[in-house]
């Protein structure tokens, strides 16, 4: 077995039943990464339904109930969220808070009412305290306020951990969550004003090469991040569904030693795009949180041999996908 193939065992929920797995946010970056892995490894006992935002408004309880009535899921992977890059998060903190609280409340309450056997929600490392020690781990989520730049989104996501524990204590629900670090890959959002760092730089590099202009990096480029490829995350989400039985969350991330600066990422993207122009920094723009180094010790206890795709290879695949799908990519 290859070291990036994950050994799976039958979970308690898989033994004697067919599974209907409903994936909210199924048309986004993480959903498409998961779908690619499902298509390679799908079990005949698993029926997968990947919902898109056009299928129903998950911030509306009546609309959410209609979806649960229609599909009757036994399991839910909850990826749907109002998301955006640093600058959108800074500008619309209340919108991010309200919309995500509404979505999460509707989905988790329906999971409870419709007796879903397991729900896995996707959080983010931005939920961790701003003032903290590093590396951060799963026990530190509620140790202090998150970074000021995106506290609306962060508190809404942090609340899921509280909801999971409360649903488990009061109703016995098996709700848990995963905390990936910064995700990138095919099917990302490449909007120049509303994207995360890697897809934003990929799009800007494409245009800089096309127009023979410099590639502008917002901020100093010194901020550090751990990036996880969406295809790797798809594998790990499948493992979580089939094997992870804790209510407490688990960080899904590359190791601390794989942390890279935004400047290094920009160079990798330029190389993957074969961009020969100048890289310049707009230091009038914020770097956001300098670092949020996460420990994957808990993950490694479960999966000591899993190998993440090397970041340069994953960036090359992501750049190639964007170039090939430029006309239809979200931008």
C-alpha atoms as a PDB file:
ATOM      1  CA  UNK A   1       0.000   0.000   0.000  1.00  0.00           C
ATOM      2  CA  UNK A   2       1.305   3.470  -0.897  1.00  0.00           C
ATOM      3  CA  UNK A   3       2.021   5.722   2.069  1.00  0.00           C
ATOM      4  CA  UNK A   4      -0.559   8.260   0.965  1.00  0.00           C
ATOM      5  CA  UNK A   5      -3.269   5.624   0.712  1.00  0.00           C
ATOM      6  CA  UNK A   6      -5.133   5.628   4.004  1.00  0.00           C
ATOM      7  CA  UNK A   7      -5.919   2.295   5.640  1.00  0.00           C
ATOM      8  CA  UNK A   8      -9.590   2.200   6.579  1.00  0.00           C
ATOM      9  CA  UNK A   9     -11.558  -0.048   8.838  1.00  0.00           C
ATOM     10  CA  UNK A  10     -15.293  -0.474   9.120  1.00  0.00           C
ATOM     11  CA  UNK A  11     -16.616   2.063  11.559  1.00  0.00           C
ATOM     12  CA  UNK A  12     -19.521   1.392  13.867  1.00  0.00           C
ATOM     13  CA  UNK A  13     -21.734   3.314  11.446  1.00  0.00           C
ATOM     14  CA  UNK A  14     -20.669   1.290   8.400  1.00  0.00           C
ATOM     15  CA  UNK A  15     -21.039  -2.291   9.574  1.00  0.00           C
ATOM     16  CA  UNK A  16     -24.548  -3.305   8.579  1.00  0.00           C
ATOM     17  CA  UNK A  17     -26.094  -0.432   6.680  1.00  0.00           C
ATOM     18  CA  UNK A  18     -26.030   1.547   3.501  1.00  0.00           C
ATOM     19  CA  UNK A  19     -24.825   5.099   3.975  1.00  0.00           C
ATOM     20  CA  UNK A  20     -26.328   8.187   2.349  1.00  0.00           C
ATOM     21  CA  UNK A  21     -23.731  10.935   2.699  1.00  0.00           C
ATOM     22  CA  UNK A  22     -24.889  14.504   2.125  1.00  0.00           C
ATOM     23  CA  UNK A  23     -22.084  16.990   1.462  1.00  0.00           C
ATOM     24  CA  UNK A  24     -23.021  20.643   1.933  1.00  0.00           C
ATOM     25  CA  UNK A  25     -20.872  23.035  -0.070  1.00  0.00           C
ATOM     26  CA  UNK A  26     -20.172  20.141  -2.410  1.00  0.00           C
ATOM     27  CA  UNK A  27     -19.335  22.327  -5.409  1.00  0.00           C
ATOM     28  CA  UNK A  28     -16.547  24.260  -3.701  1.00  0.00           C
ATOM     29  CA  UNK A  29     -12.835  23.701  -3.339  1.00  0.00           C
ATOM     30  CA  UNK A  30     -13.022  21.120  -0.537  1.00  0.00           C
ATOM     31  CA  UNK A  31     -16.143  19.451  -1.889  1.00  0.00           C
ATOM     32  CA  UNK A  32     -14.564  18.883  -5.290  1.00  0.00           C
ATOM     33  CA  UNK A  33     -11.394  17.522  -3.692  1.00  0.00           C
ATOM     34  CA  UNK A  34     -13.532  15.104  -1.689  1.00  0.00           C
ATOM     35  CA  UNK A  35     -15.562  14.156  -4.758  1.00  0.00           C
ATOM     36  CA  UNK A  36     -12.403  13.278  -6.711  1.00  0.00           C
ATOM     37  CA  UNK A  37     -11.336  10.912  -3.942  1.00  0.00           C
ATOM     38  CA  UNK A  38     -14.827   9.385  -3.578  1.00  0.00           C
ATOM     39  CA  UNK A  39     -14.854   8.583  -7.294  1.00  0.00           C
ATOM     40  CA  UNK A  40     -11.612   6.621  -6.841  1.00  0.00           C
ATOM     41  CA  UNK A  41     -12.534   4.745  -3.660  1.00  0.00           C
ATOM     42  CA  UNK A  42     -16.328   4.734  -3.409  1.00  0.00           C
ATOM     43  CA  UNK A  43     -17.871   1.818  -1.573  1.00  0.00           C
ATOM     44  CA  UNK A  44     -21.025   0.210  -3.013  1.00  0.00           C
ATOM     45  CA  UNK A  45     -22.656   0.832   0.371  1.00  0.00           C
ATOM     46  CA  UNK A  46     -22.111   4.595   0.068  1.00  0.00           C
ATOM     47  CA  UNK A  47     -24.440   6.925  -1.830  1.00  0.00           C
ATOM     48  CA  UNK A  48     -22.959  10.416  -2.128  1.00  0.00           C
ATOM     49  CA  UNK A  49     -24.940  13.638  -2.695  1.00  0.00           C
ATOM     50  CA  UNK A  50     -22.900  16.793  -3.302  1.00  0.00           C
ATOM     51  CA  UNK A  51     -25.081  19.856  -2.719  1.00  0.00           C
ATOM     52  CA  UNK A  52     -24.385  23.232  -4.311  1.00  0.00           C
ATOM     53  CA  UNK A  53     -25.629  26.611  -3.157  1.00  0.00           C
ATOM     54  CA  UNK A  54     -28.191  26.566  -5.969  1.00  0.00           C
ATOM     55  CA  UNK A  55     -29.838  23.481  -4.419  1.00  0.00           C
ATOM     56  CA  UNK A  56     -31.179  25.417  -1.439  1.00  0.00           C
ATOM     57  CA  UNK A  57     -30.501  28.168   1.101  1.00  0.00           C
ATOM     58  CA  UNK A  58     -28.881  26.485   4.103  1.00  0.00           C
ATOM     59  CA  UNK A  59     -29.262  29.648   6.175  1.00  0.00           C
ATOM     60  CA  UNK A  60     -33.036  29.123   6.003  1.00  0.00           C
ATOM     61  CA  UNK A  61     -34.417  26.381   8.268  1.00  0.00           C
ATOM     62  CA  UNK A  62     -37.411  25.532   6.066  1.00  0.00           C
ATOM     63  CA  UNK A  63     -35.220  25.205   2.956  1.00  0.00           C
ATOM     64  CA  UNK A  64     -32.703  23.080   4.860  1.00  0.00           C
ATOM     65  CA  UNK A  65     -35.438  20.760   6.123  1.00  0.00           C
ATOM     66  CA  UNK A  66     -36.671  20.268   2.554  1.00  0.00           C
ATOM     67  CA  UNK A  67     -33.203  19.090   1.531  1.00  0.00           C
ATOM     68  CA  UNK A  68     -33.032  16.653   4.445  1.00  0.00           C
ATOM     69  CA  UNK A  69     -36.532  15.377   3.648  1.00  0.00           C
ATOM     70  CA  UNK A  70     -35.586  14.878   0.012  1.00  0.00           C
ATOM     71  CA  UNK A  71     -32.241  13.105   0.494  1.00  0.00           C
ATOM     72  CA  UNK A  72     -32.714  11.455   3.927  1.00  0.00           C
ATOM     73  CA  UNK A  73     -28.984  11.407   4.754  1.00  0.00           C
ATOM     74  CA  UNK A  74     -27.511   9.010   7.266  1.00  0.00           C
ATOM     75  CA  UNK A  75     -24.248  11.018   7.356  1.00  0.00           C
ATOM     76  CA  UNK A  76     -23.394  14.657   6.641  1.00  0.00           C
ATOM     77  CA  UNK A  77     -20.115  16.340   5.752  1.00  0.00           C
ATOM     78  CA  UNK A  78     -20.781  20.031   6.359  1.00  0.00           C
ATOM     79  CA  UNK A  79     -18.548  22.220   4.199  1.00  0.00           C
ATOM     80  CA  UNK A  80     -20.960  25.025   3.290  1.00  0.00           C
ATOM     81  CA  UNK A  81     -20.016  28.461   4.583  1.00  0.00           C
ATOM     82  CA  UNK A  82     -19.827  32.108   3.649  1.00  0.00           C
ATOM     83  CA  UNK A  83     -16.112  32.425   2.941  1.00  0.00           C
ATOM     84  CA  UNK A  84     -13.691  35.009   1.627  1.00  0.00           C
ATOM     85  CA  UNK A  85     -10.133  36.214   1.723  1.00  0.00           C
ATOM     86  CA  UNK A  86      -8.472  38.446   4.301  1.00  0.00           C
ATOM     87  CA  UNK A  87      -9.758  41.774   3.031  1.00  0.00           C
ATOM     88  CA  UNK A  88     -13.388  40.668   2.636  1.00  0.00           C
ATOM     89  CA  UNK A  89     -13.250  39.198   6.147  1.00  0.00           C
ATOM     90  CA  UNK A  90     -11.953  42.507   7.496  1.00  0.00           C
ATOM     91  CA  UNK A  91     -14.726  44.499   5.788  1.00  0.00           C
ATOM     92  CA  UNK A  92     -17.797  42.332   6.489  1.00  0.00           C
ATOM     93  CA  UNK A  93     -17.268  40.836   9.958  1.00  0.00           C
ATOM     94  CA  UNK A  94     -20.933  40.982  10.968  1.00  0.00           C
ATOM     95  CA  UNK A  95     -22.082  39.408   7.696  1.00  0.00           C
ATOM     96  CA  UNK A  96     -19.613  36.553   8.150  1.00  0.00           C
ATOM     97  CA  UNK A  97     -20.758  36.038  11.736  1.00  0.00           C
ATOM     98  CA  UNK A  98     -24.508  36.096  11.092  1.00  0.00           C
ATOM     99  CA  UNK A  99     -24.613  34.102   7.863  1.00  0.00           C
ATOM    100  CA  UNK A 100     -22.339  31.326   9.139  1.00  0.00           C
ATOM    101  CA  UNK A 101     -24.121  31.045  12.484  1.00  0.00           C
ATOM    102  CA  UNK A 102     -27.410  30.704  10.576  1.00  0.00           C
ATOM    103  CA  UNK A 103     -26.040  28.047   8.200  1.00  0.00           C
ATOM    104  CA  UNK A 104     -24.464  26.008  10.987  1.00  0.00           C
ATOM    105  CA  UNK A 105     -27.554  26.174  13.187  1.00  0.00           C
ATOM    106  CA  UNK A 106     -29.831  24.993  10.363  1.00  0.00           C
ATOM    107  CA  UNK A 107     -27.560  22.129   9.295  1.00  0.00           C
ATOM    108  CA  UNK A 108     -26.768  20.810  12.775  1.00  0.00           C
ATOM    109  CA  UNK A 109     -30.352  21.098  14.002  1.00  0.00           C
ATOM    110  CA  UNK A 110     -31.575  19.178  10.953  1.00  0.00           C
ATOM    111  CA  UNK A 111     -28.891  16.553  11.532  1.00  0.00           C
ATOM    112  CA  UNK A 112     -30.311  16.134  15.030  1.00  0.00           C
ATOM    113  CA  UNK A 113     -33.984  16.137  14.029  1.00  0.00           C
ATOM    114  CA  UNK A 114     -33.468  13.721  11.127  1.00  0.00           C
ATOM    115  CA  UNK A 115     -31.298  11.411  13.254  1.00  0.00           C
ATOM    116  CA  UNK A 116     -28.149  11.694  11.148  1.00  0.00           C
ATOM    117  CA  UNK A 117     -25.676   9.149  12.537  1.00  0.00           C
ATOM    118  CA  UNK A 118     -22.573  11.290  12.038  1.00  0.00           C
ATOM    119  CA  UNK A 119     -21.939  14.889  11.029  1.00  0.00           C
ATOM    120  CA  UNK A 120     -18.454  16.227  10.271  1.00  0.00           C
ATOM    121  CA  UNK A 121     -18.112  20.001  10.040  1.00  0.00           C
ATOM    122  CA  UNK A 122     -15.152  21.806   8.526  1.00  0.00           C
ATOM    123  CA  UNK A 123     -13.575  24.524  10.684  1.00  0.00           C
ATOM    124  CA  UNK A 124     -10.462  26.641  10.100  1.00  0.00           C
ATOM    125  CA  UNK A 125      -7.244  27.461  11.955  1.00  0.00           C
ATOM    126  CA  UNK A 126      -8.381  31.093  12.062  1.00  0.00           C
ATOM    127  CA  UNK A 127     -10.593  30.064  15.007  1.00  0.00           C
ATOM    128  CA  UNK A 128      -7.560  29.782  17.288  1.00  0.00           C
ATOM    129  CA  UNK A 129      -6.565  32.579  19.686  1.00  0.00           C
ATOM    130  CA  UNK A 130      -4.449  35.397  18.283  1.00  0.00           C
ATOM    131  CA  UNK A 131      -2.303  35.642  21.425  1.00  0.00           C
ATOM    132  CA  UNK A 132      -1.089  32.105  21.983  1.00  0.00           C
ATOM    133  CA  UNK A 133       1.868  29.775  22.081  1.00  0.00           C
ATOM    134  CA  UNK A 134       2.921  27.713  19.099  1.00  0.00           C
ATOM    135  CA  UNK A 135       2.252  25.185  17.792  1.00  0.00           C
ATOM    136  CA  UNK A 136      -1.475  25.416  18.409  1.00  0.00           C
ATOM    137  CA  UNK A 137      -3.424  22.200  18.972  1.00  0.00           C
ATOM    138  CA  UNK A 138      -7.026  21.029  19.326  1.00  0.00           C
ATOM    139  CA  UNK A 139      -7.179  21.787  23.064  1.00  0.00           C
ATOM    140  CA  UNK A 140      -6.507  25.528  22.584  1.00  0.00           C
ATOM    141  CA  UNK A 141      -9.504  26.631  20.499  1.00  0.00           C
ATOM    142  CA  UNK A 142     -11.254  28.604  23.237  1.00  0.00           C
ATOM    143  CA  UNK A 143      -8.208  29.954  25.116  1.00  0.00           C
ATOM    144  CA  UNK A 144      -8.622  33.558  23.935  1.00  0.00           C
ATOM    145  CA  UNK A 145     -10.117  35.783  21.224  1.00  0.00           C
ATOM    146  CA  UNK A 146      -9.233  35.150  17.573  1.00  0.00           C
ATOM    147  CA  UNK A 147      -7.325  37.608  15.405  1.00  0.00           C
ATOM    148  CA  UNK A 148      -9.119  40.924  14.940  1.00  0.00           C
ATOM    149  CA  UNK A 149      -9.014  40.689  11.131  1.00  0.00           C
ATOM    150  CA  UNK A 150     -11.637  37.926  10.838  1.00  0.00           C
ATOM    151  CA  UNK A 151     -13.290  37.544  14.230  1.00  0.00           C
ATOM    152  CA  UNK A 152     -16.787  37.312  12.706  1.00  0.00           C
ATOM    153  CA  UNK A 153     -16.005  34.204  10.671  1.00  0.00           C
ATOM    154  CA  UNK A 154     -13.770  32.777  13.412  1.00  0.00           C
ATOM    155  CA  UNK A 155     -16.371  32.983  16.190  1.00  0.00           C
ATOM    156  CA  UNK A 156     -19.058  31.460  13.954  1.00  0.00           C
ATOM    157  CA  UNK A 157     -16.776  28.516  13.160  1.00  0.00           C
ATOM    158  CA  UNK A 158     -15.594  28.220  16.773  1.00  0.00           C
ATOM    159  CA  UNK A 159     -19.206  27.931  17.897  1.00  0.00           C
ATOM    160  CA  UNK A 160     -19.570  24.670  15.928  1.00  0.00           C
ATOM    161  CA  UNK A 161     -17.258  22.969  18.427  1.00  0.00           C
ATOM    162  CA  UNK A 162     -19.549  24.138  21.243  1.00  0.00           C
ATOM    163  CA  UNK A 163     -22.642  22.976  19.340  1.00  0.00           C
ATOM    164  CA  UNK A 164     -21.103  19.551  18.687  1.00  0.00           C
ATOM    165  CA  UNK A 165     -20.434  19.011  22.381  1.00  0.00           C
ATOM    166  CA  UNK A 166     -23.881  20.298  23.396  1.00  0.00           C
ATOM    167  CA  UNK A 167     -25.725  18.123  20.856  1.00  0.00           C
ATOM    168  CA  UNK A 168     -23.696  15.134  22.035  1.00  0.00           C
ATOM    169  CA  UNK A 169     -24.399  15.766  25.718  1.00  0.00           C
ATOM    170  CA  UNK A 170     -28.101  16.577  25.356  1.00  0.00           C
ATOM    171  CA  UNK A 171     -29.152  14.272  22.499  1.00  0.00           C
ATOM    172  CA  UNK A 172     -26.288  11.798  22.060  1.00  0.00           C
ATOM    173  CA  UNK A 173     -25.531  13.087  18.553  1.00  0.00           C
ATOM    174  CA  UNK A 174     -22.254  12.027  16.938  1.00  0.00           C
ATOM    175  CA  UNK A 175     -21.198  15.433  15.627  1.00  0.00           C
ATOM    176  CA  UNK A 176     -17.502  16.227  15.211  1.00  0.00           C
ATOM    177  CA  UNK A 177     -15.265  18.595  13.251  1.00  0.00           C
ATOM    178  CA  UNK A 178     -12.019  18.823  11.350  1.00  0.00           C
ATOM    179  CA  UNK A 179      -9.655  21.809  11.311  1.00  0.00           C
ATOM    180  CA  UNK A 180      -7.658  22.025   8.086  1.00  0.00           C
ATOM    181  CA  UNK A 181      -4.963  24.623   7.609  1.00  0.00           C
ATOM    182  CA  UNK A 182      -4.939  26.824   4.492  1.00  0.00           C
ATOM    183  CA  UNK A 183      -6.526  24.821   1.659  1.00  0.00           C
ATOM    184  CA  UNK A 184      -5.804  25.228  -2.050  1.00  0.00           C
ATOM    185  CA  UNK A 185      -6.296  23.281  -5.258  1.00  0.00           C
ATOM    186  CA  UNK A 186      -8.464  22.986  -8.381  1.00  0.00           C
ATOM    187  CA  UNK A 187     -11.974  24.523  -8.344  1.00  0.00           C
ATOM    188  CA  UNK A 188     -10.903  27.285  -5.963  1.00  0.00           C
ATOM    189  CA  UNK A 189     -12.289  30.828  -6.041  1.00  0.00           C
ATOM    190  CA  UNK A 190      -9.906  32.976  -8.101  1.00  0.00           C
ATOM    191  CA  UNK A 191     -11.726  36.318  -7.685  1.00  0.00           C
ATOM    192  CA  UNK A 192      -9.031  39.000  -7.473  1.00  0.00           C
ATOM    193  CA  UNK A 193     -10.878  40.871  -4.717  1.00  0.00           C
ATOM    194  CA  UNK A 194     -12.308  37.936  -2.780  1.00  0.00           C
ATOM    195  CA  UNK A 195      -9.936  34.978  -2.866  1.00  0.00           C
ATOM    196  CA  UNK A 196      -7.510  33.313  -0.516  1.00  0.00           C
ATOM    197  CA  UNK A 197      -3.811  33.837  -1.067  1.00  0.00           C
ATOM    198  CA  UNK A 198      -2.821  30.988  -3.435  1.00  0.00           C
ATOM    199  CA  UNK A 199      -5.732  31.254  -5.911  1.00  0.00           C
ATOM    200  CA  UNK A 200      -5.430  35.045  -5.831  1.00  0.00           C
ATOM    201  CA  UNK A 201      -1.720  34.883  -6.660  1.00  0.00           C
ATOM    202  CA  UNK A 202      -2.326  32.265  -9.375  1.00  0.00           C
ATOM    203  CA  UNK A 203      -4.850  34.539 -11.102  1.00  0.00           C
ATOM    204  CA  UNK A 204      -2.675  37.640 -10.711  1.00  0.00           C
ATOM    205  CA  UNK A 205       0.368  35.775 -12.029  1.00  0.00           C
ATOM    206  CA  UNK A 206      -1.615  34.579 -15.050  1.00  0.00           C
ATOM    207  CA  UNK A 207      -2.632  38.168 -15.851  1.00  0.00           C
ATOM    208  CA  UNK A 208       0.857  39.552 -15.154  1.00  0.00           C
ATOM    209  CA  UNK A 209       2.368  37.065 -17.591  1.00  0.00           C
ATOM    210  CA  UNK A 210      -0.309  37.759 -20.201  1.00  0.00           C
ATOM    211  CA  UNK A 211       0.104  41.545 -19.922  1.00  0.00           C
ATOM    212  CA  UNK A 212       3.896  41.595 -19.347  1.00  0.00           C
ATOM    213  CA  UNK A 213       3.514  43.352 -15.984  1.00  0.00           C
ATOM    214  CA  UNK A 214       5.005  42.749 -12.510  1.00  0.00           C
ATOM    215  CA  UNK A 215       3.317  40.337 -10.114  1.00  0.00           C
ATOM    216  CA  UNK A 216       2.165  42.347  -7.090  1.00  0.00           C
ATOM    217  CA  UNK A 217       2.060  40.582  -3.716  1.00  0.00           C
ATOM    218  CA  UNK A 218      -0.114  42.257  -1.084  1.00  0.00           C
ATOM    219  CA  UNK A 219       1.804  42.812   2.155  1.00  0.00           C
ATOM    220  CA  UNK A 220       5.419  42.021   2.920  1.00  0.00           C
ATOM    221  CA  UNK A 221       5.157  38.348   2.008  1.00  0.00           C
ATOM    222  CA  UNK A 222       6.685  37.412   5.364  1.00  0.00           C
ATOM    223  CA  UNK A 223       3.555  35.859   6.882  1.00  0.00           C
ATOM    224  CA  UNK A 224       3.859  32.101   7.410  1.00  0.00           C
ATOM    225  CA  UNK A 225       1.240  29.471   6.586  1.00  0.00           C
ATOM    226  CA  UNK A 226       0.762  25.704   6.396  1.00  0.00           C
ATOM    227  CA  UNK A 227      -0.978  24.809   3.151  1.00  0.00           C
ATOM    228  CA  UNK A 228      -2.901  21.594   2.554  1.00  0.00           C
ATOM    229  CA  UNK A 229      -3.805  20.395  -0.947  1.00  0.00           C
ATOM    230  CA  UNK A 230      -7.536  19.849  -1.490  1.00  0.00           C
ATOM    231  CA  UNK A 231      -6.946  16.338  -2.863  1.00  0.00           C
ATOM    232  CA  UNK A 232      -5.070  15.362   0.313  1.00  0.00           C
ATOM    233  CA  UNK A 233      -7.864  16.854   2.395  1.00  0.00           C
ATOM    234  CA  UNK A 234     -10.373  14.764   0.408  1.00  0.00           C
ATOM    235  CA  UNK A 235      -8.522  11.603   1.450  1.00  0.00           C
ATOM    236  CA  UNK A 236      -8.446  12.722   5.079  1.00  0.00           C
ATOM    237  CA  UNK A 237     -12.147  13.621   5.119  1.00  0.00           C
ATOM    238  CA  UNK A 238     -12.980  10.127   3.893  1.00  0.00           C
ATOM    239  CA  UNK A 239     -10.848   8.680   6.672  1.00  0.00           C
ATOM    240  CA  UNK A 240     -12.628  10.926   9.197  1.00  0.00           C
ATOM    241  CA  UNK A 241     -16.026   9.730   7.968  1.00  0.00           C
ATOM    242  CA  UNK A 242     -15.131   6.061   8.106  1.00  0.00           C
ATOM    243  CA  UNK A 243     -12.767   5.905  11.075  1.00  0.00           C
ATOM    244  CA  UNK A 244     -12.660   8.942  13.382  1.00  0.00           C
ATOM    245  CA  UNK A 245     -14.976   8.432  16.345  1.00  0.00           C
ATOM    246  CA  UNK A 246     -14.164  11.350  18.665  1.00  0.00           C
ATOM    247  CA  UNK A 247     -16.453  14.328  19.230  1.00  0.00           C
ATOM    248  CA  UNK A 248     -13.441  16.567  19.819  1.00  0.00           C
ATOM    249  CA  UNK A 249     -12.018  18.121  16.640  1.00  0.00           C
ATOM    250  CA  UNK A 250      -8.892  17.026  14.801  1.00  0.00           C
ATOM    251  CA  UNK A 251      -6.425  19.240  12.923  1.00  0.00           C
ATOM    252  CA  UNK A 252      -5.791  18.045   9.352  1.00  0.00           C
ATOM    253  CA  UNK A 253      -2.523  19.634   8.329  1.00  0.00           C
ATOM    254  CA  UNK A 254       0.977  19.224   7.057  1.00  0.00           C
ATOM    255  CA  UNK A 255       3.647  19.347   9.759  1.00  0.00           C
ATOM    256  CA  UNK A 256       5.168  22.397  11.391  1.00  0.00           C
ATOM    257  CA  UNK A 257       8.300  21.849   9.321  1.00  0.00           C
ATOM    258  CA  UNK A 258       6.261  22.424   6.134  1.00  0.00           C
ATOM    259  CA  UNK A 259       5.262  25.994   7.014  1.00  0.00           C
ATOM    260  CA  UNK A 260       6.174  28.432   4.216  1.00  0.00           C
ATOM    261  CA  UNK A 261       6.069  32.199   3.729  1.00  0.00           C
ATOM    262  CA  UNK A 262       3.720  33.938   1.301  1.00  0.00           C
ATOM    263  CA  UNK A 263       6.827  35.184  -0.499  1.00  0.00           C
ATOM    264  CA  UNK A 264       8.014  31.596  -1.039  1.00  0.00           C
ATOM    265  CA  UNK A 265       4.569  30.602  -2.314  1.00  0.00           C
ATOM    266  CA  UNK A 266       4.587  33.501  -4.799  1.00  0.00           C
ATOM    267  CA  UNK A 267       7.948  32.321  -6.161  1.00  0.00           C
ATOM    268  CA  UNK A 268       6.605  28.753  -6.546  1.00  0.00           C
ATOM    269  CA  UNK A 269       3.549  30.041  -8.408  1.00  0.00           C
ATOM    270  CA  UNK A 270       5.715  32.190 -10.700  1.00  0.00           C
ATOM    271  CA  UNK A 271       7.896  29.167 -11.476  1.00  0.00           C
ATOM    272  CA  UNK A 272       4.863  26.936 -12.114  1.00  0.00           C
ATOM    273  CA  UNK A 273       3.399  29.594 -14.443  1.00  0.00           C
ATOM    274  CA  UNK A 274       6.813  30.102 -16.107  1.00  0.00           C
ATOM    275  CA  UNK A 275       6.508  33.786 -15.241  1.00  0.00           C
ATOM    276  CA  UNK A 276       9.783  35.636 -15.870  1.00  0.00           C
ATOM    277  CA  UNK A 277       8.691  39.095 -14.723  1.00  0.00           C
ATOM    278  CA  UNK A 278       9.315  41.047 -11.534  1.00  0.00           C
ATOM    279  CA  UNK A 279       7.731  40.253  -8.154  1.00  0.00           C
ATOM    280  CA  UNK A 280       6.889  43.400  -6.150  1.00  0.00           C
ATOM    281  CA  UNK A 281       5.366  43.879  -2.686  1.00  0.00           C
ATOM    282  CA  UNK A 282       2.591  46.342  -1.801  1.00  0.00           C
ATOM    283  CA  UNK A 283       3.553  46.883   1.827  1.00  0.00           C
ATOM    284  CA  UNK A 284       0.658  49.304   2.361  1.00  0.00           C
ATOM    285  CA  UNK A 285      -1.569  46.205   2.599  1.00  0.00           C
ATOM    286  CA  UNK A 286      -1.938  44.082   5.728  1.00  0.00           C
ATOM    287  CA  UNK A 287      -0.187  40.744   6.214  1.00  0.00           C
ATOM    288  CA  UNK A 288      -2.978  39.560   8.502  1.00  0.00           C
ATOM    289  CA  UNK A 289      -1.943  37.190  11.271  1.00  0.00           C
ATOM    290  CA  UNK A 290       1.826  36.634  11.048  1.00  0.00           C
ATOM    291  CA  UNK A 291       1.657  32.919  11.797  1.00  0.00           C
ATOM    292  CA  UNK A 292      -0.763  30.307  13.125  1.00  0.00           C
ATOM    293  CA  UNK A 293       1.430  27.221  13.229  1.00  0.00           C
ATOM    294  CA  UNK A 294      -0.670  24.131  13.929  1.00  0.00           C
ATOM    295  CA  UNK A 295       0.399  20.786  15.344  1.00  0.00           C
ATOM    296  CA  UNK A 296      -0.655  17.639  13.509  1.00  0.00           C
ATOM    297  CA  UNK A 297       0.468  15.379  16.372  1.00  0.00           C
ATOM    298  CA  UNK A 298      -3.062  14.048  16.910  1.00  0.00           C
ATOM    299  CA  UNK A 299      -3.442  13.214  13.209  1.00  0.00           C
ATOM    300  CA  UNK A 300      -0.062  11.482  13.201  1.00  0.00           C
ATOM    301  CA  UNK A 301      -1.117   9.270  16.105  1.00  0.00           C
ATOM    302  CA  UNK A 302      -3.895   7.954  13.884  1.00  0.00           C
ATOM    303  CA  UNK A 303      -2.072   8.087  10.527  1.00  0.00           C
ATOM    304  CA  UNK A 304       1.691   8.056  11.116  1.00  0.00           C
ATOM    305  CA  UNK A 305       2.570   7.124   7.519  1.00  0.00           C
ATOM    306  CA  UNK A 306       0.303   9.437   5.514  1.00  0.00           C
ATOM    307  CA  UNK A 307       2.287  11.521   3.034  1.00  0.00           C
ATOM    308  CA  UNK A 308       1.017  14.904   1.918  1.00  0.00           C
ATOM    309  CA  UNK A 309       1.574  15.984  -1.680  1.00  0.00           C
ATOM    310  CA  UNK A 310       4.725  18.158  -1.840  1.00  0.00           C
ATOM    311  CA  UNK A 311       3.640  21.786  -2.086  1.00  0.00           C
ATOM    312  CA  UNK A 312       5.578  22.539  -5.278  1.00  0.00           C
ATOM    313  CA  UNK A 313       3.916  19.603  -7.043  1.00  0.00           C
ATOM    314  CA  UNK A 314       0.468  20.586  -5.725  1.00  0.00           C
ATOM    315  CA  UNK A 315       0.961  24.210  -6.820  1.00  0.00           C
ATOM    316  CA  UNK A 316       2.039  23.054 -10.280  1.00  0.00           C
ATOM    317  CA  UNK A 317      -1.130  20.936 -10.593  1.00  0.00           C
ATOM    318  CA  UNK A 318      -3.246  23.855  -9.346  1.00  0.00           C
ATOM    319  CA  UNK A 319      -1.659  26.315 -11.798  1.00  0.00           C
ATOM    320  CA  UNK A 320      -2.074  23.867 -14.680  1.00  0.00           C
ATOM    321  CA  UNK A 321      -5.750  23.359 -13.780  1.00  0.00           C
ATOM    322  CA  UNK A 322      -6.381  27.125 -13.682  1.00  0.00           C
ATOM    323  CA  UNK A 323      -4.698  27.735 -17.040  1.00  0.00           C
ATOM    324  CA  UNK A 324      -6.637  24.878 -18.651  1.00  0.00           C
ATOM    325  CA  UNK A 325      -9.939  25.994 -17.116  1.00  0.00           C
ATOM    326  CA  UNK A 326      -9.458  29.756 -17.211  1.00  0.00           C
ATOM    327  CA  UNK A 327     -12.703  30.509 -19.036  1.00  0.00           C
ATOM    328  CA  UNK A 328     -14.912  28.572 -16.594  1.00  0.00           C
ATOM    329  CA  UNK A 329     -13.016  28.965 -13.289  1.00  0.00           C
ATOM    330  CA  UNK A 330     -14.672  31.039 -10.541  1.00  0.00           C
ATOM    331  CA  UNK A 331     -13.136  34.502 -10.794  1.00  0.00           C
END
